[in-house]
Amino acid sequence: MYEDVSLYDFRQRFKDYERKNFSYEGLEALYDYLIDIEESCDESIKLDVIALCCEYTEYEDIEEATKELYPDEEPNEALFTIIAKFEHDRIIIVNE
């Protein structure tokens, strides 16, 4: 990231913006994902809370995501670009 941001700072920034789009664990999963991207691309990512809330969404599971986004489809991971799976089948997807 353009500035050195710890996991604590990352979570705090979402709290400062009063964004509750992600669970405590979801923020860690998203943070880890973004750090992995930075390391693999050797480029810094600007921390933009609003943009991240628009680009990614956390769901309880594939069934919840499918029901909300594709109500006429059967639950199927292939419908989504999943960037993180964590605690009890929770997922974070890229909004298409």
N, C-alpha and C. Protein backbone atom coordinates (compact mmCIF):
# COMPACT_ATOMS: atom_id res chain seq x y z
N MET A 1 0.84 -1.16 0.00
CA MET A 1 0.00 0.00 0.00
C MET A 1 0.89 1.23 0.00
N TYR A 2 0.37 2.33 -0.49
CA TYR A 2 1.17 3.55 -0.58
C TYR A 2 1.77 3.92 0.77
N GLU A 3 1.03 3.68 1.82
CA GLU A 3 1.54 3.88 3.16
C GLU A 3 1.65 2.52 3.82
N ASP A 4 2.53 2.40 4.78
CA ASP A 4 2.67 1.13 5.48
C ASP A 4 1.49 0.97 6.42
N VAL A 5 0.62 0.02 6.11
CA VAL A 5 -0.62 -0.16 6.86
C VAL A 5 -0.62 -1.55 7.50
N SER A 6 -0.73 -1.58 8.80
CA SER A 6 -0.84 -2.85 9.51
C SER A 6 -2.29 -3.34 9.44
N LEU A 7 -2.51 -4.57 9.84
CA LEU A 7 -3.87 -5.10 9.89
C LEU A 7 -4.72 -4.25 10.84
N TYR A 8 -4.15 -3.85 11.96
CA TYR A 8 -4.88 -2.99 12.89
C TYR A 8 -5.29 -1.67 12.21
N ASP A 9 -4.34 -1.04 11.51
CA ASP A 9 -4.63 0.22 10.80
C ASP A 9 -5.71 0.03 9.75
N PHE A 10 -5.63 -1.09 9.05
CA PHE A 10 -6.61 -1.41 8.00
C PHE A 10 -8.01 -1.49 8.59
N ARG A 11 -8.14 -2.26 9.67
CA ARG A 11 -9.44 -2.38 10.33
C ARG A 11 -9.90 -1.03 10.87
N GLN A 12 -8.98 -0.27 11.43
CA GLN A 12 -9.32 1.03 12.00
C GLN A 12 -9.83 1.98 10.93
N ARG A 13 -9.25 1.93 9.74
CA ARG A 13 -9.67 2.83 8.67
C ARG A 13 -11.12 2.55 8.28
N PHE A 14 -11.51 1.27 8.24
CA PHE A 14 -12.91 0.94 7.96
C PHE A 14 -13.80 1.45 9.09
N LYS A 15 -13.35 1.32 10.31
CA LYS A 15 -14.11 1.81 11.45
C LYS A 15 -14.25 3.33 11.39
N ASP A 16 -13.17 4.03 11.03
CA ASP A 16 -13.20 5.49 10.92
C ASP A 16 -14.22 5.95 9.88
N TYR A 17 -14.34 5.20 8.80
CA TYR A 17 -15.30 5.54 7.74
C TYR A 17 -16.70 5.00 8.05
N GLU A 18 -16.84 4.36 9.21
CA GLU A 18 -18.10 3.78 9.65
C GLU A 18 -18.65 2.78 8.64
N ARG A 19 -17.75 1.99 8.06
CA ARG A 19 -18.13 0.96 7.09
C ARG A 19 -18.21 -0.38 7.80
N LYS A 20 -19.32 -1.05 7.63
CA LYS A 20 -19.52 -2.36 8.24
C LYS A 20 -19.78 -3.41 7.18
N ASN A 21 -19.12 -3.26 6.03
CA ASN A 21 -19.31 -4.17 4.91
C ASN A 21 -18.65 -5.52 5.14
N PHE A 22 -17.69 -5.56 6.07
CA PHE A 22 -16.92 -6.79 6.30
C PHE A 22 -16.86 -7.08 7.79
N SER A 23 -16.85 -8.37 8.10
CA SER A 23 -16.69 -8.79 9.48
C SER A 23 -15.24 -8.55 9.91
N TYR A 24 -14.98 -8.73 11.18
CA TYR A 24 -13.62 -8.60 11.71
C TYR A 24 -12.69 -9.55 10.97
N GLU A 25 -13.13 -10.81 10.81
CA GLU A 25 -12.34 -11.81 10.11
C GLU A 25 -12.27 -11.52 8.61
N GLY A 26 -13.35 -10.97 8.07
CA GLY A 26 -13.39 -10.62 6.65
C GLY A 26 -12.37 -9.54 6.31
N LEU A 27 -12.21 -8.58 7.21
CA LEU A 27 -11.20 -7.54 6.99
C LEU A 27 -9.80 -8.13 6.97
N GLU A 28 -9.56 -9.12 7.81
CA GLU A 28 -8.25 -9.77 7.80
C GLU A 28 -8.03 -10.53 6.49
N ALA A 29 -9.05 -11.23 6.03
CA ALA A 29 -8.95 -11.96 4.76
C ALA A 29 -8.71 -11.00 3.59
N LEU A 30 -9.42 -9.88 3.57
CA LEU A 30 -9.24 -8.89 2.51
C LEU A 30 -7.85 -8.26 2.59
N TYR A 31 -7.41 -7.93 3.78
CA TYR A 31 -6.07 -7.38 3.98
C TYR A 31 -5.01 -8.34 3.46
N ASP A 32 -5.11 -9.61 3.84
CA ASP A 32 -4.14 -10.61 3.38
C ASP A 32 -4.14 -10.72 1.85
N TYR A 33 -5.33 -10.69 1.26
CA TYR A 33 -5.45 -10.76 -0.19
C TYR A 33 -4.74 -9.57 -0.85
N LEU A 34 -4.98 -8.38 -0.34
CA LEU A 34 -4.37 -7.18 -0.92
C LEU A 34 -2.85 -7.18 -0.75
N ILE A 35 -2.37 -7.64 0.40
CA ILE A 35 -0.93 -7.74 0.63
C ILE A 35 -0.32 -8.73 -0.36
N ASP A 36 -0.99 -9.86 -0.59
CA ASP A 36 -0.51 -10.85 -1.56
C ASP A 36 -0.42 -10.25 -2.96
N ILE A 37 -1.41 -9.45 -3.34
CA ILE A 37 -1.39 -8.79 -4.65
C ILE A 37 -0.19 -7.85 -4.74
N GLU A 38 0.00 -7.05 -3.70
CA GLU A 38 1.14 -6.12 -3.70
C GLU A 38 2.46 -6.87 -3.88
N GLU A 39 2.61 -7.95 -3.14
CA GLU A 39 3.86 -8.70 -3.20
C GLU A 39 4.06 -9.39 -4.55
N SER A 40 3.00 -9.91 -5.11
CA SER A 40 3.14 -10.63 -6.38
C SER A 40 3.33 -9.68 -7.56
N CYS A 41 2.78 -8.48 -7.48
CA CYS A 41 2.89 -7.51 -8.57
C CYS A 41 4.02 -6.51 -8.32
N ASP A 42 4.57 -6.52 -7.12
CA ASP A 42 5.61 -5.58 -6.73
C ASP A 42 5.17 -4.13 -6.96
N GLU A 43 3.91 -3.87 -6.62
CA GLU A 43 3.35 -2.53 -6.73
C GLU A 43 2.54 -2.23 -5.47
N SER A 44 2.50 -0.97 -5.12
CA SER A 44 1.73 -0.55 -3.95
C SER A 44 0.28 -0.30 -4.33
N ILE A 45 -0.60 -0.61 -3.39
CA ILE A 45 -2.04 -0.37 -3.56
C ILE A 45 -2.44 0.76 -2.63
N LYS A 46 -3.19 1.70 -3.14
CA LYS A 46 -3.69 2.78 -2.31
C LYS A 46 -4.88 2.28 -1.49
N LEU A 47 -4.85 2.54 -0.20
CA LEU A 47 -5.96 2.13 0.66
C LEU A 47 -7.12 3.10 0.49
N ASP A 48 -8.15 2.64 -0.20
CA ASP A 48 -9.35 3.44 -0.44
C ASP A 48 -10.54 2.62 0.06
N VAL A 49 -10.97 2.92 1.26
CA VAL A 49 -12.03 2.15 1.92
C VAL A 49 -13.30 2.10 1.08
N ILE A 50 -13.71 3.23 0.55
CA ILE A 50 -14.95 3.28 -0.23
C ILE A 50 -14.83 2.41 -1.48
N ALA A 51 -13.71 2.50 -2.17
CA ALA A 51 -13.50 1.69 -3.37
C ALA A 51 -13.51 0.20 -3.04
N LEU A 52 -12.89 -0.18 -1.93
CA LEU A 52 -12.87 -1.58 -1.54
C LEU A 52 -14.28 -2.08 -1.21
N CYS A 53 -15.08 -1.23 -0.58
CA CYS A 53 -16.46 -1.61 -0.27
C CYS A 53 -17.29 -1.78 -1.54
N CYS A 54 -16.94 -1.04 -2.58
CA CYS A 54 -17.65 -1.16 -3.86
C CYS A 54 -17.15 -2.36 -4.66
N GLU A 55 -15.88 -2.68 -4.53
CA GLU A 55 -15.28 -3.72 -5.36
C GLU A 55 -15.46 -5.14 -4.80
N TYR A 56 -15.57 -5.26 -3.48
CA TYR A 56 -15.65 -6.57 -2.84
C TYR A 56 -16.86 -6.66 -1.92
N THR A 57 -17.41 -7.86 -1.78
CA THR A 57 -18.53 -8.09 -0.87
C THR A 57 -18.30 -9.38 -0.11
N GLU A 58 -18.64 -9.35 1.16
CA GLU A 58 -18.54 -10.54 2.01
C GLU A 58 -19.93 -11.18 2.14
N TYR A 59 -19.96 -12.50 2.05
CA TYR A 59 -21.20 -13.26 2.24
C TYR A 59 -20.96 -14.38 3.23
N GLU A 60 -22.05 -14.83 3.84
CA GLU A 60 -21.95 -15.94 4.79
C GLU A 60 -21.51 -17.23 4.10
N ASP A 61 -21.97 -17.41 2.86
CA ASP A 61 -21.60 -18.61 2.10
C ASP A 61 -22.05 -18.45 0.65
N ILE A 62 -21.76 -19.45 -0.16
CA ILE A 62 -22.12 -19.42 -1.58
C ILE A 62 -23.63 -19.32 -1.75
N GLU A 63 -24.39 -19.98 -0.89
CA GLU A 63 -25.84 -19.96 -1.01
C GLU A 63 -26.39 -18.53 -0.85
N GLU A 64 -25.88 -17.79 0.14
CA GLU A 64 -26.34 -16.42 0.35
C GLU A 64 -25.99 -15.53 -0.85
N ALA A 65 -24.77 -15.67 -1.35
CA ALA A 65 -24.35 -14.86 -2.50
C ALA A 65 -25.20 -15.18 -3.72
N THR A 66 -25.45 -16.45 -3.96
CA THR A 66 -26.25 -16.86 -5.11
C THR A 66 -27.67 -16.34 -4.99
N LYS A 67 -28.24 -16.48 -3.82
CA LYS A 67 -29.62 -16.03 -3.60
C LYS A 67 -29.76 -14.54 -3.87
N GLU A 68 -28.76 -13.75 -3.44
CA GLU A 68 -28.83 -12.30 -3.62
C GLU A 68 -28.54 -11.88 -5.06
N LEU A 69 -27.53 -12.49 -5.67
CA LEU A 69 -27.07 -12.03 -6.98
C LEU A 69 -27.67 -12.79 -8.16
N TYR A 70 -27.95 -14.06 -7.96
CA TYR A 70 -28.49 -14.90 -9.04
C TYR A 70 -29.65 -15.74 -8.50
N PRO A 71 -30.76 -15.10 -8.18
CA PRO A 71 -31.84 -15.81 -7.49
C PRO A 71 -32.43 -17.00 -8.25
N ASP A 72 -32.27 -17.04 -9.56
CA ASP A 72 -32.83 -18.15 -10.34
C ASP A 72 -31.83 -19.27 -10.58
N GLU A 73 -30.63 -19.16 -10.03
CA GLU A 73 -29.58 -20.16 -10.23
C GLU A 73 -29.42 -21.04 -8.99
N GLU A 74 -28.86 -22.21 -9.20
CA GLU A 74 -28.47 -23.08 -8.09
C GLU A 74 -27.12 -22.57 -7.56
N PRO A 75 -26.86 -22.69 -6.25
CA PRO A 75 -25.58 -22.25 -5.71
C PRO A 75 -24.41 -22.95 -6.42
N ASN A 76 -23.47 -22.14 -6.88
CA ASN A 76 -22.34 -22.66 -7.64
C ASN A 76 -21.19 -21.68 -7.55
N GLU A 77 -20.05 -22.13 -7.08
CA GLU A 77 -18.89 -21.25 -6.93
C GLU A 77 -18.45 -20.65 -8.26
N ALA A 78 -18.73 -21.32 -9.36
CA ALA A 78 -18.31 -20.84 -10.67
C ALA A 78 -18.99 -19.51 -11.05
N LEU A 79 -20.04 -19.15 -10.36
CA LEU A 79 -20.74 -17.89 -10.65
C LEU A 79 -19.97 -16.68 -10.15
N PHE A 80 -18.97 -16.89 -9.32
CA PHE A 80 -18.30 -15.80 -8.62
C PHE A 80 -16.79 -15.86 -8.77
N THR A 81 -16.17 -14.70 -8.60
CA THR A 81 -14.72 -14.64 -8.44
C THR A 81 -14.48 -14.50 -6.94
N ILE A 82 -14.13 -15.59 -6.32
CA ILE A 82 -13.94 -15.63 -4.87
C ILE A 82 -12.48 -15.31 -4.57
N ILE A 83 -12.24 -14.30 -3.74
CA ILE A 83 -10.87 -13.94 -3.41
C ILE A 83 -10.45 -14.49 -2.06
N ALA A 84 -11.42 -14.87 -1.22
CA ALA A 84 -11.09 -15.40 0.10
C ALA A 84 -12.21 -16.28 0.61
N LYS A 85 -11.80 -17.38 1.23
CA LYS A 85 -12.72 -18.23 1.98
C LYS A 85 -12.15 -18.30 3.38
N PHE A 86 -13.01 -18.18 4.36
CA PHE A 86 -12.54 -18.20 5.74
C PHE A 86 -13.68 -18.62 6.65
N GLU A 87 -13.41 -18.69 7.90
CA GLU A 87 -14.32 -19.04 8.98
C GLU A 87 -15.74 -19.44 8.57
N HIS A 88 -16.05 -20.71 8.73
CA HIS A 88 -17.41 -21.24 8.53
C HIS A 88 -17.98 -20.95 7.14
N ASP A 89 -17.22 -21.17 6.10
CA ASP A 89 -17.66 -21.02 4.71
C ASP A 89 -17.92 -19.58 4.28
N ARG A 90 -17.54 -18.59 5.08
CA ARG A 90 -17.70 -17.19 4.65
C ARG A 90 -16.80 -16.94 3.45
N ILE A 91 -17.23 -16.05 2.58
CA ILE A 91 -16.47 -15.75 1.37
C ILE A 91 -16.45 -14.24 1.12
N ILE A 92 -15.45 -13.81 0.38
CA ILE A 92 -15.41 -12.46 -0.16
C ILE A 92 -15.29 -12.62 -1.67
N ILE A 93 -16.16 -11.92 -2.39
CA ILE A 93 -16.15 -12.01 -3.85
C ILE A 93 -15.85 -10.65 -4.45
N VAL A 94 -15.40 -10.70 -5.71
CA VAL A 94 -15.22 -9.49 -6.49
C VAL A 94 -16.57 -9.15 -7.09
N ASN A 95 -17.03 -7.93 -6.93
CA ASN A 95 -18.28 -7.51 -7.53
C ASN A 95 -18.08 -7.34 -9.02
N GLU A 96 -18.90 -7.99 -9.79
CA GLU A 96 -18.78 -7.95 -11.26
C GLU A 96 -19.58 -6.80 -11.82
